[in-house]
Amino acid sequence: MSITTDYKPEVSVIVPMYREASRAELLRRTAFGLHCILDREFRGAYELIAVNDGSTDGSDIIAGATGMRVIDAHPSGLNHGKGTAVLTGLNEAAGNIRLFTDADGSYVLRGDGYDGSTVLRLIEAVKNGNHIAVARRVDSVKAHDGKSRSFYHSLSRSLELIAPTGVSDPQAGAKAFSASAIEYSCKPIPHEHQGFGTDRTILHLARILDLKVAEIDAEIEVADGSHVRPLPVGGQLIWQAFEARRLGKEL
């Protein structure tokens, strides 16, 4: 079970979500798997936070019924994108180590069971002195079709030239942070610069600040409809990379 509100958790896990009712069973299984994994390792000293990014389909009710604490990504209650949901959750959390992962169970579910190895290795990497730990997908483009695969590679190289991170898979959907890393690399990001490229912004700022970043190989189980296609969001990613570079110069 999740911890009580008057107890400081050792670990916080944030699950950003948007219109998950059509995949309600995946969300329930993800929450149950995280509860099982974390309760076994931390004996109640953890919290699970679902960040509702403007869903109007009852996603918040579904998540709340699993024992997760549900908060809104933005006071307006409107959809503002995954970047806003992630940063809201990381800033709201109270754990010494704070991790976010996808609502579809990509980093938790394995067939009919659960696999906590990626989550636990990310947490362990931060415990061992890294400020940030990134789940590096073993094949980060396997969900893209042939037409978008080459574009994905070209876009990734361009983004790394604009706002270097030193990380091979900055868009991976699971990362862990120390509380100090959030203070230095997450809180400086203004709301208007939060979006699909927020992960790169965080990691670019971390690189400038010389924070220690570890990469952990991760096998993922991709659910249907889970991946953002690079072609429609490419322009936004490039714009955010330039904004990340500008923010870095202001540090």
Protein backbone atom coordinates (compact mmCIF):
# COMPACT_ATOMS: atom_id res chain seq x y z
CA MET A 1 0.00 0.00 0.00
CA SER A 2 0.98 3.62 -0.43
CA ILE A 3 2.23 5.60 2.53
CA THR A 4 0.19 7.98 4.65
CA THR A 5 0.42 11.70 4.04
CA ASP A 6 2.31 12.45 7.27
CA TYR A 7 5.18 10.12 6.39
CA LYS A 8 8.03 11.25 4.15
CA PRO A 9 8.50 8.65 1.43
CA GLU A 10 11.84 7.32 0.34
CA VAL A 11 10.64 7.01 -3.25
CA SER A 12 7.96 8.79 -5.28
CA VAL A 13 6.76 7.39 -8.60
CA ILE A 14 4.89 9.70 -10.97
CA VAL A 15 2.60 8.37 -13.70
CA PRO A 16 1.55 11.07 -16.20
CA MET A 17 -1.71 10.20 -17.92
CA TYR A 18 -4.01 11.52 -20.62
CA ARG A 19 -7.22 9.84 -21.75
CA GLU A 20 -6.35 6.41 -20.43
CA ALA A 21 -9.95 5.14 -20.05
CA SER A 22 -9.75 3.24 -23.34
CA ARG A 23 -6.76 1.38 -21.87
CA ALA A 24 -8.06 1.24 -18.31
CA GLU A 25 -6.87 -2.31 -17.71
CA LEU A 26 -3.30 -1.34 -18.64
CA LEU A 27 -3.44 1.57 -16.20
CA ARG A 28 -4.79 -0.67 -13.42
CA ARG A 29 -2.13 -3.31 -14.06
CA THR A 30 0.60 -0.66 -14.14
CA ALA A 31 -0.53 0.72 -10.78
CA PHE A 32 -0.85 -2.74 -9.24
CA GLY A 33 2.56 -3.76 -10.55
CA LEU A 34 4.19 -0.64 -9.13
CA HIS A 35 2.52 -1.19 -5.77
CA CYS A 36 3.81 -4.78 -5.67
CA ILE A 37 7.35 -3.85 -6.72
CA LEU A 38 7.70 -0.86 -4.40
CA ASP A 39 5.97 -2.35 -1.37
CA ARG A 40 8.27 -5.36 -1.51
CA GLU A 41 11.38 -3.18 -1.68
CA PHE A 42 10.42 -0.18 0.45
CA ARG A 43 7.80 -1.60 2.83
CA GLY A 44 5.33 1.24 2.44
CA ALA A 45 7.85 4.10 2.31
CA TYR A 46 6.77 5.24 -1.14
CA GLU A 47 4.05 7.18 -2.91
CA LEU A 48 2.40 6.77 -6.31
CA ILE A 49 1.15 9.94 -7.96
CA ALA A 50 -1.00 9.93 -11.10
CA VAL A 51 -0.89 13.29 -12.88
CA ASN A 52 -4.06 13.90 -14.88
CA ASP A 53 -3.25 16.02 -17.92
CA GLY A 54 -6.72 17.30 -18.71
CA SER A 55 -8.42 13.93 -19.24
CA THR A 56 -12.21 14.12 -19.34
CA ASP A 57 -12.84 10.40 -19.80
CA GLY A 58 -12.68 9.33 -16.14
CA SER A 59 -8.96 8.50 -16.12
CA ASP A 60 -8.68 10.25 -12.74
CA ILE A 61 -11.38 8.03 -11.23
CA ILE A 62 -9.75 4.88 -12.60
CA ALA A 63 -6.34 5.90 -11.24
CA GLY A 64 -7.73 6.92 -7.86
CA ALA A 65 -9.39 3.53 -7.44
CA THR A 66 -5.96 1.86 -7.69
CA GLY A 67 -4.64 3.70 -4.63
CA MET A 68 -2.66 6.31 -6.53
CA ARG A 69 -2.92 9.92 -5.42
CA VAL A 70 -4.35 11.91 -8.34
CA ILE A 71 -3.39 15.52 -9.04
CA ASP A 72 -3.98 17.83 -12.01
CA ALA A 73 -1.11 18.70 -14.30
CA HIS A 74 -2.24 22.32 -14.44
CA PRO A 75 -4.66 24.40 -12.30
CA SER A 76 -6.82 25.02 -15.38
CA GLY A 77 -7.60 21.31 -15.66
CA LEU A 78 -6.84 21.51 -19.39
CA ASN A 79 -4.43 19.39 -21.41
CA HIS A 80 -0.94 20.92 -21.42
CA GLY A 81 1.20 18.00 -22.61
CA LYS A 82 3.29 15.29 -21.01
CA GLY A 83 6.14 17.66 -20.13
CA THR A 84 3.88 19.69 -17.87
CA ALA A 85 2.45 16.53 -16.28
CA VAL A 86 5.93 15.15 -15.56
CA LEU A 87 7.28 18.37 -14.07
CA THR A 88 4.16 18.92 -11.97
CA GLY A 89 4.49 15.43 -10.55
CA LEU A 90 8.22 15.70 -9.87
CA ASN A 91 7.77 19.04 -8.10
CA GLU A 92 4.73 17.87 -6.12
CA ALA A 93 6.38 14.64 -4.95
CA ALA A 94 8.05 14.37 -1.56
CA GLY A 95 10.41 11.40 -2.03
CA ASN A 96 14.16 11.62 -1.73
CA ILE A 97 14.21 9.80 -5.08
CA ARG A 98 11.54 10.63 -7.69
CA LEU A 99 10.85 8.59 -10.78
CA PHE A 100 8.38 8.90 -13.62
CA THR A 101 7.17 6.12 -15.88
CA ASP A 102 4.50 5.63 -18.54
CA ALA A 103 0.87 4.82 -17.74
CA ASP A 104 0.82 1.99 -20.30
CA GLY A 105 3.16 -0.21 -18.27
CA SER A 106 5.94 -0.23 -20.89
CA TYR A 107 8.60 -0.37 -18.16
CA VAL A 108 6.65 -2.51 -15.68
CA LEU A 109 4.50 -5.11 -17.46
CA ARG A 110 5.84 -8.30 -19.02
CA GLY A 111 3.17 -10.48 -20.62
CA ASP A 112 0.74 -11.42 -17.86
CA GLY A 113 3.20 -10.53 -15.08
CA TYR A 114 5.36 -7.72 -13.73
CA ASP A 115 9.04 -6.88 -14.03
CA GLY A 116 10.45 -4.37 -11.57
CA SER A 117 14.04 -4.56 -12.74
CA THR A 118 14.08 -1.29 -14.72
CA VAL A 119 12.33 0.74 -12.00
CA LEU A 120 14.54 -0.69 -9.26
CA ARG A 121 17.78 -0.24 -11.23
CA LEU A 122 16.91 3.41 -11.92
CA ILE A 123 16.30 3.96 -8.21
CA GLU A 124 19.51 2.13 -7.30
CA ALA A 125 21.52 4.27 -9.74
CA VAL A 126 20.38 7.43 -7.95
CA LYS A 127 21.02 5.83 -4.56
CA ASN A 128 24.58 5.16 -5.71
CA GLY A 129 25.30 8.84 -6.23
CA ASN A 130 23.95 9.73 -9.66
CA HIS A 131 21.71 12.77 -9.84
CA ILE A 132 19.64 11.36 -12.71
CA ALA A 133 19.15 7.87 -14.15
CA VAL A 134 17.70 7.34 -17.63
CA ALA A 135 16.16 4.13 -18.95
CA ARG A 136 17.87 3.54 -22.29
CA ARG A 137 15.54 1.52 -24.51
CA VAL A 138 17.46 -1.37 -26.05
CA ASP A 139 15.89 -0.55 -29.41
CA SER A 140 14.52 2.96 -29.14
CA VAL A 141 13.15 3.00 -32.70
CA LYS A 142 11.63 -0.45 -32.94
CA ALA A 143 8.09 0.94 -32.77
CA HIS A 144 8.64 3.25 -35.74
CA ASP A 145 7.82 2.09 -39.23
CA GLY A 146 10.32 2.16 -42.06
CA LYS A 147 9.25 5.59 -43.32
CA SER A 148 9.82 7.34 -40.01
CA ARG A 149 12.87 5.40 -38.82
CA SER A 150 15.45 7.38 -40.80
CA PHE A 151 13.69 10.64 -39.92
CA TYR A 152 13.86 9.68 -36.23
CA HIS A 153 17.63 9.15 -36.44
CA SER A 154 18.20 12.41 -38.33
CA LEU A 155 16.00 14.36 -35.94
CA SER A 156 17.78 12.90 -32.90
CA ARG A 157 21.19 13.87 -34.27
CA SER A 158 19.98 17.41 -35.02
CA LEU A 159 18.48 17.85 -31.56
CA GLU A 160 21.68 16.66 -29.92
CA LEU A 161 23.67 19.26 -31.89
CA ILE A 162 21.28 22.04 -30.80
CA ALA A 163 20.96 21.09 -27.12
CA PRO A 164 23.49 18.39 -26.17
CA THR A 165 22.57 15.95 -23.43
CA GLY A 166 25.28 13.31 -23.69
CA VAL A 167 22.49 10.73 -23.40
CA SER A 168 21.76 8.21 -26.14
CA ASP A 169 17.99 8.00 -25.57
CA PRO A 170 16.80 11.24 -23.94
CA GLN A 171 13.13 10.69 -24.84
CA ALA A 172 12.84 7.38 -22.96
CA GLY A 173 9.72 7.30 -20.80
CA ALA A 174 11.29 6.36 -17.46
CA LYS A 175 13.78 8.44 -15.49
CA ALA A 176 14.74 8.79 -11.83
CA PHE A 177 15.98 11.91 -10.05
CA SER A 178 17.44 12.95 -6.75
CA ALA A 179 15.57 15.78 -5.04
CA SER A 180 18.51 18.12 -5.69
CA ALA A 181 18.51 17.30 -9.42
CA ILE A 182 14.88 18.39 -9.64
CA GLU A 183 15.72 21.64 -7.90
CA TYR A 184 18.51 22.45 -10.33
CA SER A 185 17.41 20.97 -13.67
CA CYS A 186 13.59 20.89 -13.54
CA LYS A 187 12.36 23.92 -11.63
CA PRO A 188 14.09 26.47 -13.93
CA ILE A 189 11.91 25.33 -16.88
CA PRO A 190 9.02 27.81 -17.38
CA HIS A 191 5.57 26.51 -18.22
CA GLU A 192 5.58 27.90 -21.76
CA HIS A 193 8.61 25.72 -22.60
CA GLN A 194 7.13 22.44 -21.40
CA GLY A 195 6.14 19.84 -24.00
CA PHE A 196 7.39 16.74 -25.79
CA GLY A 197 10.94 18.08 -25.57
CA THR A 198 10.97 18.61 -21.80
CA ASP A 199 13.12 15.52 -21.24
CA ARG A 200 15.86 16.97 -23.45
CA THR A 201 15.61 20.34 -21.70
CA ILE A 202 16.08 18.68 -18.30
CA LEU A 203 19.06 16.64 -19.49
CA HIS A 204 20.64 19.58 -21.31
CA LEU A 205 20.48 21.69 -18.15
CA ALA A 206 21.86 18.76 -16.15
CA ARG A 207 24.82 18.52 -18.54
CA ILE A 208 25.58 22.24 -18.20
CA LEU A 209 25.36 21.95 -14.41
CA ASP A 210 27.68 18.92 -14.51
CA LEU A 211 25.17 16.66 -12.80
CA LYS A 212 25.92 12.94 -12.86
CA VAL A 213 23.65 11.05 -15.27
CA ALA A 214 23.54 7.26 -15.59
CA GLU A 215 21.96 5.25 -18.39
CA ILE A 216 20.31 1.90 -17.64
CA ASP A 217 19.50 -0.55 -20.44
CA ALA A 218 15.78 -1.35 -20.44
CA GLU A 219 13.66 -3.89 -22.29
CA ILE A 220 10.21 -2.43 -22.82
CA GLU A 221 6.84 -3.88 -23.78
CA VAL A 222 5.22 -1.41 -26.14
CA ALA A 223 1.43 -1.08 -25.97
CA ASP A 224 -0.56 -0.22 -29.08
CA GLY A 225 -0.83 3.52 -29.63
CA SER A 226 1.78 4.38 -27.01
CA HIS A 227 4.51 5.96 -29.13
CA VAL A 228 4.55 9.57 -30.27
CA ARG A 229 5.37 9.68 -33.96
CA PRO A 230 8.38 11.88 -34.71
CA LEU A 231 7.04 13.45 -37.91
CA PRO A 232 4.10 15.43 -36.40
CA VAL A 233 6.06 16.67 -33.35
CA GLY A 234 9.44 17.26 -35.01
CA GLY A 235 8.96 21.02 -35.28
CA GLN A 236 8.03 21.33 -31.62
CA LEU A 237 11.04 19.26 -30.56
CA ILE A 238 13.40 21.48 -32.58
CA TRP A 239 11.87 24.67 -31.14
CA GLN A 240 12.16 23.29 -27.61
CA ALA A 241 15.77 22.29 -28.21
CA PHE A 242 16.63 25.90 -29.11
CA GLU A 243 14.74 27.08 -26.01
CA ALA A 244 16.67 24.55 -23.91
CA ARG A 245 19.93 25.98 -25.24
CA ARG A 246 18.76 29.51 -24.40
CA LEU A 247 17.77 28.46 -20.86
CA GLY A 248 21.15 26.81 -20.44
CA LYS A 249 22.94 30.05 -21.28
CA GLU A 250 20.94 31.83 -18.59
CA LEU A 251 21.99 29.49 -15.77
